[in-house]
Amino acid sequence: MGWNYHKSIKLGPLRFNLSRHGIGQSLGGRRFHVTRTPDGRTYVSVSLPGGFHLGKTVGGRPRRHRY
């Protein structure tokens, strides 16, 4: 069984996400936000009315699966 840790600190529109993998940053509001993960990937997401959600990883290195 693995362990996990997650803490989020909000400073205005900027949010710092602390986890065991490192520090990530998020910027934006409820409908649109940009997230930078600890491993360098950038994720852009948009939430639309009616429950629709669109997201895309942009740039950064490819994600490696850990088994």
C-alpha atoms as a PDB file:
ATOM      1  CA  MET A   1       0.000   0.000   0.000  1.00  0.00           C
ATOM      2  CA  GLY A   2       1.418   3.384  -1.010  1.00  0.00           C
ATOM      3  CA  TRP A   3       1.066   6.694   0.743  1.00  0.00           C
ATOM      4  CA  ASN A   4      -0.130   9.987  -0.609  1.00  0.00           C
ATOM      5  CA  TYR A   5      -0.012  13.632   0.493  1.00  0.00           C
ATOM      6  CA  HIS A   6      -1.737  16.681  -0.959  1.00  0.00           C
ATOM      7  CA  LYS A   7      -1.975  20.240   0.357  1.00  0.00           C
ATOM      8  CA  SER A   8      -3.220  23.284  -1.524  1.00  0.00           C
ATOM      9  CA  ILE A   9      -2.385  26.922  -0.715  1.00  0.00           C
ATOM     10  CA  LYS A  10      -4.366  29.662  -2.445  1.00  0.00           C
ATOM     11  CA  LEU A  11      -2.939  33.169  -2.963  1.00  0.00           C
ATOM     12  CA  GLY A  12      -5.459  35.173  -4.991  1.00  0.00           C
ATOM     13  CA  PRO A  13      -6.010  33.516  -8.382  1.00  0.00           C
ATOM     14  CA  LEU A  14      -2.799  31.467  -7.963  1.00  0.00           C
ATOM     15  CA  ARG A  15      -2.853  28.120  -6.187  1.00  0.00           C
ATOM     16  CA  PHE A  16       0.192  26.116  -5.096  1.00  0.00           C
ATOM     17  CA  ASN A  17      -0.380  22.366  -4.925  1.00  0.00           C
ATOM     18  CA  LEU A  18       1.996  20.484  -2.639  1.00  0.00           C
ATOM     19  CA  SER A  19       2.287  16.724  -2.973  1.00  0.00           C
ATOM     20  CA  ARG A  20       4.867  14.026  -2.461  1.00  0.00           C
ATOM     21  CA  HIS A  21       5.867  14.481  -6.123  1.00  0.00           C
ATOM     22  CA  GLY A  22       6.685  18.184  -5.739  1.00  0.00           C
ATOM     23  CA  ILE A  23       5.061  21.588  -6.104  1.00  0.00           C
ATOM     24  CA  GLY A  24       2.620  22.418  -8.896  1.00  0.00           C
ATOM     25  CA  GLN A  25       0.857  25.674  -9.707  1.00  0.00           C
ATOM     26  CA  SER A  26      -2.655  26.438 -10.915  1.00  0.00           C
ATOM     27  CA  LEU A  27      -4.017  29.698 -12.258  1.00  0.00           C
ATOM     28  CA  GLY A  28      -7.576  30.549 -13.177  1.00  0.00           C
ATOM     29  CA  GLY A  29     -11.128  30.283 -12.038  1.00  0.00           C
ATOM     30  CA  ARG A  30     -13.978  27.847 -12.084  1.00  0.00           C
ATOM     31  CA  ARG A  31     -14.568  27.833 -15.854  1.00  0.00           C
ATOM     32  CA  PHE A  32     -10.968  28.023 -17.160  1.00  0.00           C
ATOM     33  CA  HIS A  33      -7.635  27.186 -15.575  1.00  0.00           C
ATOM     34  CA  VAL A  34      -4.046  26.343 -16.415  1.00  0.00           C
ATOM     35  CA  THR A  35      -2.095  23.887 -14.277  1.00  0.00           C
ATOM     36  CA  ARG A  36       1.650  23.273 -14.228  1.00  0.00           C
ATOM     37  CA  THR A  37       2.516  19.888 -12.698  1.00  0.00           C
ATOM     38  CA  PRO A  38       5.660  19.162 -10.652  1.00  0.00           C
ATOM     39  CA  ASP A  39       7.138  17.167 -13.553  1.00  0.00           C
ATOM     40  CA  GLY A  40       6.843  20.090 -16.004  1.00  0.00           C
ATOM     41  CA  ARG A  41       3.643  19.295 -17.897  1.00  0.00           C
ATOM     42  CA  THR A  42       1.090  22.042 -18.536  1.00  0.00           C
ATOM     43  CA  TYR A  43      -2.597  21.188 -18.489  1.00  0.00           C
ATOM     44  CA  VAL A  44      -5.288  23.564 -19.799  1.00  0.00           C
ATOM     45  CA  SER A  45      -8.917  22.874 -18.950  1.00  0.00           C
ATOM     46  CA  VAL A  46     -12.286  24.490 -19.630  1.00  0.00           C
ATOM     47  CA  SER A  47     -15.547  23.659 -17.874  1.00  0.00           C
ATOM     48  CA  LEU A  48     -18.689  24.447 -19.822  1.00  0.00           C
ATOM     49  CA  PRO A  49     -22.283  24.704 -18.594  1.00  0.00           C
ATOM     50  CA  GLY A  50     -24.179  21.433 -18.610  1.00  0.00           C
ATOM     51  CA  GLY A  51     -21.350  19.347 -17.142  1.00  0.00           C
ATOM     52  CA  PHE A  52     -18.996  19.396 -20.138  1.00  0.00           C
ATOM     53  CA  HIS A  53     -15.274  19.468 -19.421  1.00  0.00           C
ATOM     54  CA  LEU A  54     -12.444  19.823 -21.934  1.00  0.00           C
ATOM     55  CA  GLY A  55      -8.795  19.352 -21.043  1.00  0.00           C
ATOM     56  CA  LYS A  56      -5.520  19.168 -22.937  1.00  0.00           C
ATOM     57  CA  THR A  57      -1.911  18.579 -21.910  1.00  0.00           C
ATOM     58  CA  VAL A  58       0.374  21.072 -23.633  1.00  0.00           C
ATOM     59  CA  GLY A  59       4.166  20.834 -23.767  1.00  0.00           C
ATOM     60  CA  GLY A  60       6.368  19.303 -21.118  1.00  0.00           C
ATOM     61  CA  ARG A  61       7.816  15.856 -21.196  1.00  0.00           C
ATOM     62  CA  PRO A  62       5.667  12.783 -21.774  1.00  0.00           C
ATOM     63  CA  ARG A  63       4.162  11.166 -18.711  1.00  0.00           C
ATOM     64  CA  ARG A  64       5.794   7.937 -17.552  1.00  0.00           C
ATOM     65  CA  HIS A  65       3.612   5.264 -16.046  1.00  0.00           C
ATOM     66  CA  ARG A  66       4.756   3.849 -12.737  1.00  0.00           C
ATOM     67  CA  TYR A  67       3.843   0.215 -12.166  1.00  0.00           C
END
